[in-house]
Amino acid sequence: MVMETALEPGATQTVAIASSAAPSAAIGSVGAGKVTIRVESTTRCYLQFGSDPTATSSSMPFGTNSTNTVEYFTIEGGDKVSAIRDDEDGTLSITVVS
């Protein structure tokens, strides 16, 4: 028997992916523990997570230029996500899930 777990979507924010790194607003509350987020990118980019992140081309690569990419991450409450493009502008959508 396979049991599937559904996650309930919460607040979503978007970040423009461009030639300069841009951070999201803080996600969750500082000190509230771990937060699971769903991240979707419309283009290939680089991501950095933390309390004051700045993504660079040395950060974690994410996505492709041909299709949207979706992944789930667990971060500390109050952290942010920063994104910078690889070669095309796009949009990063971040949704808190529980």
N, C-alpha and C. Protein backbone atom coordinates (compact mmCIF):
# COMPACT_ATOMS: atom_id res chain seq x y z
N MET A 1 0.84 -1.17 0.00
CA MET A 1 0.00 0.00 0.00
C MET A 1 0.89 1.24 0.00
N VAL A 2 0.60 2.16 -0.89
CA VAL A 2 1.35 3.40 -0.98
C VAL A 2 0.52 4.51 -0.35
N MET A 3 1.15 5.24 0.55
CA MET A 3 0.46 6.38 1.18
C MET A 3 1.08 7.66 0.62
N GLU A 4 0.25 8.52 0.13
CA GLU A 4 0.72 9.79 -0.39
C GLU A 4 0.45 10.89 0.62
N THR A 5 1.38 11.81 0.71
CA THR A 5 1.24 12.93 1.62
C THR A 5 0.97 14.18 0.80
N ALA A 6 -0.08 14.87 1.12
CA ALA A 6 -0.39 16.13 0.44
C ALA A 6 0.08 17.29 1.31
N LEU A 7 0.60 18.30 0.69
CA LEU A 7 1.05 19.49 1.40
C LEU A 7 0.08 20.62 1.13
N GLU A 8 -0.26 21.35 2.16
CA GLU A 8 -1.19 22.47 2.04
C GLU A 8 -0.42 23.74 1.68
N PRO A 9 -0.78 24.39 0.56
CA PRO A 9 -0.07 25.61 0.18
C PRO A 9 -0.46 26.78 1.08
N GLY A 10 0.53 27.61 1.36
CA GLY A 10 0.31 28.82 2.15
C GLY A 10 0.62 30.04 1.30
N ALA A 11 1.20 31.03 1.91
CA ALA A 11 1.52 32.29 1.23
C ALA A 11 2.56 32.08 0.14
N THR A 12 2.37 32.81 -0.98
CA THR A 12 3.32 32.76 -2.09
C THR A 12 3.88 34.15 -2.33
N GLN A 13 5.16 34.21 -2.63
CA GLN A 13 5.78 35.47 -3.05
C GLN A 13 6.59 35.20 -4.30
N THR A 14 6.82 36.24 -5.09
CA THR A 14 7.62 36.10 -6.30
C THR A 14 8.83 37.03 -6.23
N VAL A 15 9.89 36.57 -6.90
CA VAL A 15 11.12 37.34 -6.99
C VAL A 15 11.51 37.39 -8.46
N ALA A 16 11.84 38.56 -8.95
CA ALA A 16 12.31 38.68 -10.33
C ALA A 16 13.72 38.11 -10.43
N ILE A 17 13.92 37.25 -11.41
CA ILE A 17 15.26 36.69 -11.67
C ILE A 17 15.87 37.54 -12.77
N ALA A 18 16.94 38.23 -12.46
CA ALA A 18 17.57 39.14 -13.41
C ALA A 18 19.09 39.10 -13.25
N SER A 19 19.79 40.04 -13.85
CA SER A 19 21.25 40.05 -13.83
C SER A 19 21.83 40.47 -12.48
N SER A 20 21.01 41.06 -11.61
CA SER A 20 21.43 41.40 -10.25
C SER A 20 20.67 40.50 -9.28
N ALA A 21 21.35 40.03 -8.25
CA ALA A 21 20.72 39.16 -7.25
C ALA A 21 19.61 39.90 -6.53
N ALA A 22 18.51 39.21 -6.31
CA ALA A 22 17.37 39.79 -5.60
C ALA A 22 16.89 38.80 -4.55
N PRO A 23 16.74 39.25 -3.28
CA PRO A 23 16.26 38.35 -2.23
C PRO A 23 14.74 38.41 -2.08
N SER A 24 14.19 37.35 -1.57
CA SER A 24 12.77 37.34 -1.20
C SER A 24 12.62 38.08 0.12
N ALA A 25 11.39 38.24 0.53
CA ALA A 25 11.12 38.70 1.90
C ALA A 25 11.40 37.51 2.82
N ALA A 26 11.49 37.77 4.11
CA ALA A 26 11.70 36.69 5.08
C ALA A 26 10.55 35.70 4.97
N ILE A 27 10.87 34.42 5.08
CA ILE A 27 9.88 33.35 4.95
C ILE A 27 9.67 32.73 6.33
N GLY A 28 8.44 32.79 6.81
CA GLY A 28 8.17 32.28 8.16
C GLY A 28 8.70 33.26 9.20
N SER A 29 8.73 32.81 10.44
CA SER A 29 9.15 33.67 11.55
C SER A 29 10.48 33.19 12.12
N VAL A 30 11.35 34.14 12.43
CA VAL A 30 12.63 33.82 13.05
C VAL A 30 12.37 33.07 14.35
N GLY A 31 13.06 31.97 14.54
CA GLY A 31 12.91 31.19 15.77
C GLY A 31 11.74 30.23 15.76
N ALA A 32 10.99 30.19 14.65
CA ALA A 32 9.81 29.32 14.59
C ALA A 32 10.16 27.90 14.14
N GLY A 33 11.42 27.64 13.89
CA GLY A 33 11.83 26.31 13.44
C GLY A 33 11.88 26.22 11.93
N LYS A 34 11.89 25.00 11.44
CA LYS A 34 12.03 24.74 10.02
C LYS A 34 10.74 25.07 9.25
N VAL A 35 10.92 25.53 8.01
CA VAL A 35 9.81 25.85 7.12
C VAL A 35 10.08 25.12 5.80
N THR A 36 9.06 24.45 5.27
CA THR A 36 9.20 23.80 3.97
C THR A 36 8.61 24.73 2.92
N ILE A 37 9.37 24.92 1.84
CA ILE A 37 8.93 25.79 0.76
C ILE A 37 8.96 25.06 -0.57
N ARG A 38 8.06 25.46 -1.45
CA ARG A 38 8.03 24.99 -2.84
C ARG A 38 8.58 26.13 -3.67
N VAL A 39 9.62 25.85 -4.45
CA VAL A 39 10.27 26.88 -5.26
C VAL A 39 10.09 26.51 -6.73
N GLU A 40 9.58 27.46 -7.52
CA GLU A 40 9.40 27.25 -8.95
C GLU A 40 10.08 28.36 -9.72
N SER A 41 10.87 27.98 -10.72
CA SER A 41 11.60 28.95 -11.53
C SER A 41 11.19 28.82 -12.99
N THR A 42 11.05 29.96 -13.66
CA THR A 42 10.71 29.95 -15.08
C THR A 42 11.95 29.95 -15.97
N THR A 43 13.14 30.01 -15.36
CA THR A 43 14.38 30.04 -16.13
C THR A 43 15.52 29.47 -15.29
N ARG A 44 16.62 29.16 -15.94
CA ARG A 44 17.80 28.65 -15.22
C ARG A 44 18.38 29.80 -14.41
N CYS A 45 18.68 29.51 -13.15
CA CYS A 45 19.20 30.55 -12.26
C CYS A 45 20.09 29.91 -11.19
N TYR A 46 20.54 30.73 -10.27
CA TYR A 46 21.33 30.28 -9.12
C TYR A 46 20.62 30.76 -7.86
N LEU A 47 20.55 29.88 -6.85
CA LEU A 47 19.86 30.20 -5.61
C LEU A 47 20.80 30.19 -4.43
N GLN A 48 20.52 31.08 -3.47
CA GLN A 48 21.24 31.11 -2.20
C GLN A 48 20.20 31.28 -1.10
N PHE A 49 20.32 30.52 -0.02
CA PHE A 49 19.40 30.58 1.11
C PHE A 49 20.12 31.13 2.32
N GLY A 50 19.40 31.84 3.20
CA GLY A 50 20.01 32.32 4.44
C GLY A 50 19.30 33.56 4.96
N SER A 51 19.85 34.11 6.05
CA SER A 51 19.22 35.28 6.67
C SER A 51 19.48 36.56 5.86
N ASP A 52 20.58 36.60 5.11
CA ASP A 52 20.90 37.75 4.26
C ASP A 52 21.63 37.26 3.01
N PRO A 53 20.96 36.45 2.17
CA PRO A 53 21.65 35.79 1.06
C PRO A 53 21.85 36.69 -0.15
N THR A 54 22.93 36.45 -0.88
CA THR A 54 23.16 37.09 -2.17
C THR A 54 23.60 36.00 -3.14
N ALA A 55 22.74 35.64 -4.07
CA ALA A 55 23.07 34.61 -5.04
C ALA A 55 24.14 35.11 -6.01
N THR A 56 25.04 34.20 -6.39
CA THR A 56 26.06 34.48 -7.41
C THR A 56 26.10 33.27 -8.35
N SER A 57 26.91 33.36 -9.38
CA SER A 57 27.04 32.24 -10.31
C SER A 57 27.75 31.05 -9.67
N SER A 58 28.24 31.21 -8.44
CA SER A 58 28.83 30.10 -7.69
C SER A 58 27.82 29.45 -6.74
N SER A 59 26.61 30.01 -6.66
CA SER A 59 25.56 29.45 -5.81
C SER A 59 24.98 28.20 -6.47
N MET A 60 23.99 27.59 -5.80
CA MET A 60 23.38 26.37 -6.29
C MET A 60 22.64 26.61 -7.61
N PRO A 61 23.00 25.87 -8.70
CA PRO A 61 22.26 26.03 -9.94
C PRO A 61 20.86 25.45 -9.81
N PHE A 62 19.89 26.07 -10.49
CA PHE A 62 18.50 25.64 -10.37
C PHE A 62 17.76 25.92 -11.67
N GLY A 63 17.01 24.95 -12.15
CA GLY A 63 16.13 25.15 -13.29
C GLY A 63 16.77 24.94 -14.64
N THR A 64 15.93 25.10 -15.66
CA THR A 64 16.34 25.01 -17.06
C THR A 64 15.72 26.19 -17.80
N ASN A 65 16.15 26.40 -19.02
CA ASN A 65 15.57 27.48 -19.81
C ASN A 65 14.37 27.04 -20.63
N SER A 66 14.07 25.73 -20.64
CA SER A 66 13.00 25.26 -21.51
C SER A 66 11.69 24.95 -20.78
N THR A 67 11.75 24.61 -19.50
CA THR A 67 10.53 24.30 -18.75
C THR A 67 10.65 24.83 -17.33
N ASN A 68 9.51 25.04 -16.68
CA ASN A 68 9.54 25.44 -15.27
C ASN A 68 10.09 24.29 -14.44
N THR A 69 10.85 24.63 -13.42
CA THR A 69 11.42 23.64 -12.52
C THR A 69 10.84 23.87 -11.13
N VAL A 70 10.43 22.79 -10.47
CA VAL A 70 9.86 22.87 -9.13
C VAL A 70 10.66 21.95 -8.20
N GLU A 71 11.04 22.46 -7.04
CA GLU A 71 11.69 21.67 -6.00
C GLU A 71 11.17 22.12 -4.65
N TYR A 72 11.33 21.27 -3.65
CA TYR A 72 10.95 21.57 -2.28
C TYR A 72 12.21 21.66 -1.43
N PHE A 73 12.26 22.64 -0.54
CA PHE A 73 13.40 22.83 0.34
C PHE A 73 12.89 23.08 1.76
N THR A 74 13.70 22.72 2.73
CA THR A 74 13.43 23.04 4.12
C THR A 74 14.47 24.06 4.56
N ILE A 75 13.99 25.19 5.08
CA ILE A 75 14.87 26.27 5.51
C ILE A 75 14.51 26.66 6.94
N GLU A 76 15.32 27.49 7.55
CA GLU A 76 15.02 28.02 8.88
C GLU A 76 13.99 29.13 8.76
N GLY A 77 13.05 29.20 9.68
CA GLY A 77 12.08 30.28 9.70
C GLY A 77 12.78 31.63 9.74
N GLY A 78 12.34 32.56 8.92
CA GLY A 78 12.95 33.88 8.84
C GLY A 78 14.00 34.01 7.75
N ASP A 79 14.42 32.87 7.17
CA ASP A 79 15.40 32.94 6.09
C ASP A 79 14.77 33.48 4.82
N LYS A 80 15.63 33.83 3.86
CA LYS A 80 15.22 34.36 2.57
C LYS A 80 15.85 33.50 1.47
N VAL A 81 15.35 33.68 0.25
CA VAL A 81 15.92 33.04 -0.93
C VAL A 81 16.35 34.15 -1.89
N SER A 82 17.59 34.08 -2.34
CA SER A 82 18.09 35.04 -3.32
C SER A 82 18.31 34.31 -4.64
N ALA A 83 18.01 34.99 -5.75
CA ALA A 83 18.18 34.39 -7.08
C ALA A 83 18.86 35.36 -8.02
N ILE A 84 19.65 34.80 -8.93
CA ILE A 84 20.27 35.56 -10.01
C ILE A 84 20.19 34.70 -11.27
N ARG A 85 19.98 35.31 -12.41
CA ARG A 85 19.78 34.54 -13.64
C ARG A 85 21.09 33.92 -14.13
N ASP A 86 20.93 32.89 -14.96
CA ASP A 86 22.06 32.34 -15.69
C ASP A 86 22.22 33.15 -16.98
N ASP A 87 21.21 33.07 -17.87
CA ASP A 87 21.29 33.86 -19.10
C ASP A 87 19.97 34.49 -19.55
N GLU A 88 18.87 34.15 -18.90
CA GLU A 88 17.58 34.74 -19.25
C GLU A 88 16.86 35.23 -18.00
N ASP A 89 16.17 36.36 -18.08
CA ASP A 89 15.34 36.83 -16.97
C ASP A 89 14.16 35.89 -16.77
N GLY A 90 13.62 35.87 -15.57
CA GLY A 90 12.47 35.02 -15.30
C GLY A 90 11.85 35.38 -13.97
N THR A 91 11.07 34.45 -13.42
CA THR A 91 10.39 34.65 -12.16
C THR A 91 10.59 33.45 -11.26
N LEU A 92 10.86 33.72 -9.99
CA LEU A 92 10.96 32.68 -8.97
C LEU A 92 9.73 32.81 -8.07
N SER A 93 8.96 31.74 -7.94
CA SER A 93 7.80 31.73 -7.04
C SER A 93 8.14 30.85 -5.84
N ILE A 94 7.87 31.38 -4.65
CA ILE A 94 8.19 30.68 -3.40
C ILE A 94 6.89 30.55 -2.60
N THR A 95 6.50 29.31 -2.32
CA THR A 95 5.26 29.06 -1.58
C THR A 95 5.58 28.26 -0.34
N VAL A 96 5.12 28.74 0.81
CA VAL A 96 5.25 27.99 2.06
C VAL A 96 4.25 26.84 2.00
N VAL A 97 4.70 25.63 2.35
CA VAL A 97 3.80 24.47 2.37
C VAL A 97 3.89 23.79 3.73
N SER A 98 2.80 23.15 4.12
CA SER A 98 2.80 22.41 5.39
C SER A 98 1.94 21.18 5.27
